[in-house]
PDB file of all heavy atoms in Angstrom:
ATOM      1  N   ARG A   1      11.135 -12.909 -10.714  1.00  0.00           N
ATOM      2  CA  ARG A   1      10.093 -12.248  -9.922  1.00  0.00           C
ATOM      3  C   ARG A   1      10.693 -11.230  -8.970  1.00  0.00           C
ATOM      4  O   ARG A   1      10.151 -10.133  -8.781  1.00  0.00           O
ATOM      5  CB  ARG A   1       9.291 -13.291  -9.147  1.00  0.00           C
ATOM      6  CG  ARG A   1       8.076 -12.708  -8.456  1.00  0.00           C
ATOM      7  CD  ARG A   1       7.173 -13.787  -7.891  1.00  0.00           C
ATOM      8  NE  ARG A   1       6.003 -13.206  -7.255  1.00  0.00           N
ATOM      9  CZ  ARG A   1       5.066 -13.904  -6.648  1.00  0.00           C
ATOM     10  NH1 ARG A   1       5.157 -15.231  -6.597  1.00  0.00           N
ATOM     11  NH2 ARG A   1       4.025 -13.302  -6.090  1.00  0.00           N
ATOM     12  N   SER A   2      11.832 -11.586  -8.388  1.00  0.00           N
ATOM     13  CA  SER A   2      12.512 -10.665  -7.478  1.00  0.00           C
ATOM     14  C   SER A   2      12.966  -9.404  -8.222  1.00  0.00           C
ATOM     15  O   SER A   2      12.845  -8.291  -7.696  1.00  0.00           O
ATOM     16  CB  SER A   2      13.709 -11.361  -6.837  1.00  0.00           C
ATOM     17  OG  SER A   2      14.466 -10.453  -6.048  1.00  0.00           O
ATOM     18  N   ASP A   3      13.466  -9.574  -9.430  1.00  0.00           N
ATOM     19  CA  ASP A   3      13.906  -8.414 -10.216  1.00  0.00           C
ATOM     20  C   ASP A   3      12.752  -7.454 -10.477  1.00  0.00           C
ATOM     21  O   ASP A   3      12.894  -6.232 -10.334  1.00  0.00           O
ATOM     22  CB  ASP A   3      14.479  -8.882 -11.559  1.00  0.00           C
ATOM     23  CG  ASP A   3      15.876  -9.487 -11.422  1.00  0.00           C
ATOM     24  OD1 ASP A   3      16.506  -9.273 -10.370  1.00  0.00           O
ATOM     25  OD2 ASP A   3      16.315 -10.162 -12.369  1.00  0.00           O
ATOM     26  N   LEU A   4      11.606  -7.988 -10.847  1.00  0.00           N
ATOM     27  CA  LEU A   4      10.466  -7.122 -11.140  1.00  0.00           C
ATOM     28  C   LEU A   4       9.928  -6.463  -9.870  1.00  0.00           C
ATOM     29  O   LEU A   4       9.459  -5.328  -9.905  1.00  0.00           O
ATOM     30  CB  LEU A   4       9.369  -7.920 -11.851  1.00  0.00           C
ATOM     31  CG  LEU A   4       9.748  -8.470 -13.227  1.00  0.00           C
ATOM     32  CD1 LEU A   4       8.566  -9.160 -13.892  1.00  0.00           C
ATOM     33  CD2 LEU A   4      10.292  -7.376 -14.141  1.00  0.00           C
ATOM     34  N   ARG A   5      10.029  -7.174  -8.748  1.00  0.00           N
ATOM     35  CA  ARG A   5       9.628  -6.554  -7.481  1.00  0.00           C
ATOM     36  C   ARG A   5      10.540  -5.370  -7.145  1.00  0.00           C
ATOM     37  O   ARG A   5      10.090  -4.351  -6.612  1.00  0.00           O
ATOM     38  CB  ARG A   5       9.674  -7.588  -6.359  1.00  0.00           C
ATOM     39  CG  ARG A   5       8.449  -8.515  -6.321  1.00  0.00           C
ATOM     40  CD  ARG A   5       8.630  -9.579  -5.264  1.00  0.00           C
ATOM     41  NE  ARG A   5       7.419 -10.366  -5.042  1.00  0.00           N
ATOM     42  CZ  ARG A   5       7.380 -11.474  -4.338  1.00  0.00           C
ATOM     43  NH1 ARG A   5       8.500 -11.944  -3.770  1.00  0.00           N
ATOM     44  NH2 ARG A   5       6.242 -12.140  -4.180  1.00  0.00           N
ATOM     45  N   LYS A   6      11.828  -5.522  -7.441  1.00  0.00           N
ATOM     46  CA  LYS A   6      12.768  -4.417  -7.189  1.00  0.00           C
ATOM     47  C   LYS A   6      12.395  -3.200  -8.032  1.00  0.00           C
ATOM     48  O   LYS A   6      12.434  -2.057  -7.554  1.00  0.00           O
ATOM     49  CB  LYS A   6      14.193  -4.869  -7.498  1.00  0.00           C
ATOM     50  CG  LYS A   6      14.768  -5.859  -6.505  1.00  0.00           C
ATOM     51  CD  LYS A   6      16.171  -6.292  -6.920  1.00  0.00           C
ATOM     52  CE  LYS A   6      16.735  -7.325  -5.952  1.00  0.00           C
ATOM     53  NZ  LYS A   6      18.076  -7.811  -6.379  1.00  0.00           N
ATOM     54  N   LEU A   7      12.027  -3.445  -9.280  1.00  0.00           N
ATOM     55  CA  LEU A   7      11.638  -2.331 -10.145  1.00  0.00           C
ATOM     56  C   LEU A   7      10.319  -1.714  -9.688  1.00  0.00           C
ATOM     57  O   LEU A   7      10.105  -0.511  -9.832  1.00  0.00           O
ATOM     58  CB  LEU A   7      11.531  -2.805 -11.597  1.00  0.00           C
ATOM     59  CG  LEU A   7      12.841  -3.283 -12.235  1.00  0.00           C
ATOM     60  CD1 LEU A   7      12.610  -3.722 -13.668  1.00  0.00           C
ATOM     61  CD2 LEU A   7      13.914  -2.194 -12.177  1.00  0.00           C
ATOM     62  N   GLU A   8       9.457  -2.552  -9.094  1.00  0.00           N
ATOM     63  CA  GLU A   8       8.220  -2.024  -8.529  1.00  0.00           C
ATOM     64  C   GLU A   8       8.534  -1.145  -7.319  1.00  0.00           C
ATOM     65  O   GLU A   8       7.962  -0.051  -7.163  1.00  0.00           O
ATOM     66  CB  GLU A   8       7.295  -3.171  -8.123  1.00  0.00           C
ATOM     67  CG  GLU A   8       5.968  -2.692  -7.541  1.00  0.00           C
ATOM     68  CD  GLU A   8       5.101  -3.848  -7.057  1.00  0.00           C
ATOM     69  OE1 GLU A   8       5.649  -4.942  -6.781  1.00  0.00           O
ATOM     70  OE2 GLU A   8       3.877  -3.647  -6.937  1.00  0.00           O
ATOM     71  N   SER A   9       9.440  -1.589  -6.487  1.00  0.00           N
ATOM     72  CA  SER A   9       9.797  -0.811  -5.294  1.00  0.00           C
ATOM     73  C   SER A   9      10.443   0.521  -5.665  1.00  0.00           C
ATOM     74  O   SER A   9      10.352   1.498  -4.906  1.00  0.00           O
ATOM     75  CB  SER A   9      10.747  -1.622  -4.397  1.00  0.00           C
ATOM     76  OG  SER A   9      12.019  -1.770  -5.011  1.00  0.00           O
ATOM     77  N   ALA A  10      11.090   0.553  -6.830  1.00  0.00           N
ATOM     78  CA  ALA A  10      11.732   1.788  -7.279  1.00  0.00           C
ATOM     79  C   ALA A  10      10.742   2.725  -7.970  1.00  0.00           C
ATOM     80  O   ALA A  10      11.111   3.832  -8.374  1.00  0.00           O
ATOM     81  CB  ALA A  10      12.873   1.453  -8.245  1.00  0.00           C
ATOM     82  N   GLY A  11       9.489   2.284  -8.087  1.00  0.00           N
ATOM     83  CA  GLY A  11       8.475   3.123  -8.709  1.00  0.00           C
ATOM     84  C   GLY A  11       8.485   3.089 -10.226  1.00  0.00           C
ATOM     85  O   GLY A  11       7.828   3.910 -10.876  1.00  0.00           O
ATOM     86  N   ILE A  12       9.225   2.128 -10.802  1.00  0.00           N
ATOM     87  CA  ILE A  12       9.308   2.018 -12.262  1.00  0.00           C
ATOM     88  C   ILE A  12       8.154   1.192 -12.806  1.00  0.00           C
ATOM     89  O   ILE A  12       7.579   1.512 -13.855  1.00  0.00           O
ATOM     90  CB  ILE A  12      10.666   1.418 -12.679  1.00  0.00           C
ATOM     91  CG1 ILE A  12      11.799   2.377 -12.289  1.00  0.00           C
ATOM     92  CG2 ILE A  12      10.700   1.106 -14.175  1.00  0.00           C
ATOM     93  CD1 ILE A  12      13.189   1.803 -12.507  1.00  0.00           C
ATOM     94  N   LEU A  13       7.808   0.134 -12.095  1.00  0.00           N
ATOM     95  CA  LEU A  13       6.747  -0.771 -12.524  1.00  0.00           C
ATOM     96  C   LEU A  13       5.567  -0.748 -11.551  1.00  0.00           C
ATOM     97  O   LEU A  13       5.734  -0.415 -10.368  1.00  0.00           O
ATOM     98  CB  LEU A  13       7.276  -2.207 -12.635  1.00  0.00           C
ATOM     99  CG  LEU A  13       8.274  -2.508 -13.750  1.00  0.00           C
ATOM    100  CD1 LEU A  13       8.727  -3.963 -13.665  1.00  0.00           C
ATOM    101  CD2 LEU A  13       7.679  -2.214 -15.123  1.00  0.00           C
ATOM    102  N   HIS A  14       4.408  -1.137 -12.077  1.00  0.00           N
ATOM    103  CA  HIS A  14       3.209  -1.321 -11.260  1.00  0.00           C
ATOM    104  C   HIS A  14       2.635  -2.690 -11.599  1.00  0.00           C
ATOM    105  O   HIS A  14       2.594  -3.085 -12.762  1.00  0.00           O
ATOM    106  CB  HIS A  14       2.176  -0.231 -11.553  1.00  0.00           C
ATOM    107  CG  HIS A  14       2.702   1.155 -11.360  1.00  0.00           C
ATOM    108  ND1 HIS A  14       2.761   1.767 -10.128  1.00  0.00           N
ATOM    109  CD2 HIS A  14       3.214   2.042 -12.244  1.00  0.00           C
ATOM    110  CE1 HIS A  14       3.279   2.971 -10.257  1.00  0.00           C
ATOM    111  NE2 HIS A  14       3.557   3.170 -11.540  1.00  0.00           N
ATOM    112  N   LYS A  15       2.174  -3.390 -10.562  1.00  0.00           N
ATOM    113  CA  LYS A  15       1.676  -4.733 -10.793  1.00  0.00           C
ATOM    114  C   LYS A  15       0.293  -4.702 -11.444  1.00  0.00           C
ATOM    115  O   LYS A  15      -0.557  -3.889 -11.094  1.00  0.00           O
ATOM    116  CB  LYS A  15       1.596  -5.500  -9.475  1.00  0.00           C
ATOM    117  CG  LYS A  15       1.333  -6.998  -9.647  1.00  0.00           C
ATOM    118  CD  LYS A  15       1.424  -7.742  -8.317  1.00  0.00           C
ATOM    119  CE  LYS A  15       1.203  -9.233  -8.517  1.00  0.00           C
ATOM    120  NZ  LYS A  15       1.268  -9.974  -7.240  1.00  0.00           N
ATOM    121  N   LEU A  16       0.113  -5.580 -12.435  1.00  0.00           N
ATOM    122  CA  LEU A  16      -1.185  -5.745 -13.075  1.00  0.00           C
ATOM    123  C   LEU A  16      -2.001  -6.756 -12.276  1.00  0.00           C
ATOM    124  O   LEU A  16      -1.519  -7.848 -11.983  1.00  0.00           O
ATOM    125  CB  LEU A  16      -1.017  -6.235 -14.517  1.00  0.00           C
ATOM    126  CG  LEU A  16      -0.550  -5.201 -15.542  1.00  0.00           C
ATOM    127  CD1 LEU A  16      -0.143  -5.887 -16.833  1.00  0.00           C
ATOM    128  CD2 LEU A  16      -1.635  -4.182 -15.802  1.00  0.00           C
ATOM    129  N   GLU A  17      -3.220  -6.399 -11.963  1.00  0.00           N
ATOM    130  CA  GLU A  17      -4.088  -7.287 -11.193  1.00  0.00           C
ATOM    131  C   GLU A  17      -5.028  -8.048 -12.131  1.00  0.00           C
ATOM    132  O   GLU A  17      -5.315  -7.612 -13.242  1.00  0.00           O
ATOM    133  CB  GLU A  17      -4.907  -6.481 -10.184  1.00  0.00           C
ATOM    134  CG  GLU A  17      -4.067  -5.653  -9.220  1.00  0.00           C
ATOM    135  CD  GLU A  17      -3.195  -6.505  -8.289  1.00  0.00           C
ATOM    136  OE1 GLU A  17      -3.499  -7.711  -8.135  1.00  0.00           O
ATOM    137  OE2 GLU A  17      -2.227  -5.960  -7.723  1.00  0.00           O
ATOM    138  N   ASP A  18      -5.487  -9.193 -11.652  1.00  0.00           N
ATOM    139  CA  ASP A  18      -6.506  -9.984 -12.360  1.00  0.00           C
ATOM    140  C   ASP A  18      -6.076 -10.388 -13.761  1.00  0.00           C
ATOM    141  O   ASP A  18      -6.844 -10.316 -14.724  1.00  0.00           O
ATOM    142  CB  ASP A  18      -7.833  -9.212 -12.432  1.00  0.00           C
ATOM    143  CG  ASP A  18      -8.364  -8.860 -11.052  1.00  0.00           C
ATOM    144  OD1 ASP A  18      -8.246  -9.697 -10.142  1.00  0.00           O
ATOM    145  OD2 ASP A  18      -8.900  -7.748 -10.889  1.00  0.00           O
ATOM    146  N   VAL A  19      -4.813 -10.777 -13.902  1.00  0.00           N
ATOM    147  CA  VAL A  19      -4.335 -11.334 -15.167  1.00  0.00           C
ATOM    148  C   VAL A  19      -3.808 -12.738 -14.899  1.00  0.00           C
ATOM    149  O   VAL A  19      -3.505 -13.104 -13.763  1.00  0.00           O
ATOM    150  CB  VAL A  19      -3.232 -10.458 -15.805  1.00  0.00           C
ATOM    151  CG1 VAL A  19      -3.795  -9.118 -16.210  1.00  0.00           C
ATOM    152  CG2 VAL A  19      -2.051 -10.266 -14.848  1.00  0.00           C
ATOM    153  N   GLY A  20      -3.677 -13.526 -15.956  1.00  0.00           N
ATOM    154  CA  GLY A  20      -3.322 -14.932 -15.783  1.00  0.00           C
ATOM    155  C   GLY A  20      -1.948 -15.152 -15.193  1.00  0.00           C
ATOM    156  O   GLY A  20      -1.760 -15.994 -14.315  1.00  0.00           O
ATOM    157  N   GLN A  21      -0.964 -14.396 -15.670  1.00  0.00           N
ATOM    158  CA  GLN A  21       0.400 -14.545 -15.175  1.00  0.00           C
ATOM    159  C   GLN A  21       0.797 -13.298 -14.380  1.00  0.00           C
ATOM    160  O   GLN A  21       0.226 -12.222 -14.588  1.00  0.00           O
ATOM    161  CB  GLN A  21       1.371 -14.723 -16.346  1.00  0.00           C
ATOM    162  CG  GLN A  21       1.085 -15.943 -17.201  1.00  0.00           C
ATOM    163  CD  GLN A  21       2.165 -16.136 -18.251  1.00  0.00           C
ATOM    164  OE1 GLN A  21       3.333 -16.340 -17.929  1.00  0.00           O
ATOM    165  NE2 GLN A  21       1.781 -16.082 -19.510  1.00  0.00           N
ATOM    166  N   ILE A  22       1.773 -13.472 -13.505  1.00  0.00           N
ATOM    167  CA  ILE A  22       2.234 -12.322 -12.727  1.00  0.00           C
ATOM    168  C   ILE A  22       2.909 -11.348 -13.689  1.00  0.00           C
ATOM    169  O   ILE A  22       3.913 -11.675 -14.330  1.00  0.00           O
ATOM    170  CB  ILE A  22       3.197 -12.759 -11.617  1.00  0.00           C
ATOM    171  CG1 ILE A  22       2.474 -13.691 -10.636  1.00  0.00           C
ATOM    172  CG2 ILE A  22       3.744 -11.548 -10.881  1.00  0.00           C
ATOM    173  CD1 ILE A  22       3.356 -14.229  -9.533  1.00  0.00           C
ATOM    174  N   SER A  23       2.330 -10.175 -13.790  1.00  0.00           N
ATOM    175  CA  SER A  23       2.781  -9.204 -14.787  1.00  0.00           C
ATOM    176  C   SER A  23       2.844  -7.810 -14.180  1.00  0.00           C
ATOM    177  O   SER A  23       2.125  -7.486 -13.234  1.00  0.00           O
ATOM    178  CB  SER A  23       1.821  -9.190 -15.995  1.00  0.00           C
ATOM    179  OG  SER A  23       1.631 -10.491 -16.519  1.00  0.00           O
ATOM    180  N   TYR A  24       3.694  -6.988 -14.776  1.00  0.00           N
ATOM    181  CA  TYR A  24       3.852  -5.604 -14.358  1.00  0.00           C
ATOM    182  C   TYR A  24       3.832  -4.724 -15.608  1.00  0.00           C
ATOM    183  O   TYR A  24       4.071  -5.200 -16.715  1.00  0.00           O
ATOM    184  CB  TYR A  24       5.188  -5.405 -13.626  1.00  0.00           C
ATOM    185  CG  TYR A  24       5.311  -6.184 -12.340  1.00  0.00           C
ATOM    186  CD1 TYR A  24       5.628  -7.542 -12.355  1.00  0.00           C
ATOM    187  CD2 TYR A  24       5.133  -5.561 -11.106  1.00  0.00           C
ATOM    188  CE1 TYR A  24       5.755  -8.264 -11.170  1.00  0.00           C
ATOM    189  CE2 TYR A  24       5.252  -6.271  -9.917  1.00  0.00           C
ATOM    190  CZ  TYR A  24       5.566  -7.621  -9.962  1.00  0.00           C
ATOM    191  OH  TYR A  24       5.695  -8.336  -8.788  1.00  0.00           O
ATOM    192  N   TYR A  25       3.539  -3.442 -15.417  1.00  0.00           N
ATOM    193  CA  TYR A  25       3.593  -2.531 -16.552  1.00  0.00           C
ATOM    194  C   TYR A  25       4.174  -1.197 -16.113  1.00  0.00           C
ATOM    195  O   TYR A  25       4.180  -0.862 -14.928  1.00  0.00           O
ATOM    196  CB  TYR A  25       2.205  -2.325 -17.160  1.00  0.00           C
ATOM    197  CG  TYR A  25       1.308  -1.371 -16.397  1.00  0.00           C
ATOM    198  CD1 TYR A  25       1.044  -0.088 -16.868  1.00  0.00           C
ATOM    199  CD2 TYR A  25       0.705  -1.762 -15.197  1.00  0.00           C
ATOM    200  CE1 TYR A  25       0.223   0.772 -16.168  1.00  0.00           C
ATOM    201  CE2 TYR A  25      -0.117  -0.909 -14.495  1.00  0.00           C
ATOM    202  CZ  TYR A  25      -0.360   0.371 -14.986  1.00  0.00           C
ATOM    203  OH  TYR A  25      -1.163   1.224 -14.284  1.00  0.00           O
ATOM    204  N   CYS A  26       4.676  -0.472 -17.089  1.00  0.00           N
ATOM    205  CA  CYS A  26       5.265   0.841 -16.825  1.00  0.00           C
ATOM    206  C   CYS A  26       4.318   1.899 -17.364  1.00  0.00           C
ATOM    207  O   CYS A  26       4.261   2.129 -18.582  1.00  0.00           O
ATOM    208  CB  CYS A  26       6.640   0.957 -17.478  1.00  0.00           C
ATOM    209  SG  CYS A  26       7.415   2.560 -17.184  1.00  0.00           S
ATOM    210  N   SER A  27       3.572   2.528 -16.485  1.00  0.00           N
ATOM    211  CA  SER A  27       2.580   3.511 -16.912  1.00  0.00           C
ATOM    212  C   SER A  27       3.233   4.746 -17.534  1.00  0.00           C
ATOM    213  O   SER A  27       2.666   5.359 -18.444  1.00  0.00           O
ATOM    214  CB  SER A  27       1.703   3.924 -15.735  1.00  0.00           C
ATOM    215  OG  SER A  27       2.492   4.493 -14.695  1.00  0.00           O
ATOM    216  N   SER A  28       4.425   5.107 -17.069  1.00  0.00           N
ATOM    217  CA  SER A  28       5.094   6.304 -17.593  1.00  0.00           C
ATOM    218  C   SER A  28       5.422   6.152 -19.071  1.00  0.00           C
ATOM    219  O   SER A  28       5.205   7.065 -19.874  1.00  0.00           O
ATOM    220  CB  SER A  28       6.373   6.586 -16.803  1.00  0.00           C
ATOM    221  OG  SER A  28       6.099   6.778 -15.435  1.00  0.00           O
TER     222      SER A  28
END
């Protein structure tokens, strides 16, 4: 989870809301 948060902070990932598991996606 910490790794994905780091990628979110770097602007690489965005968190997906209202899904069953904590998930992120790369819109680019």
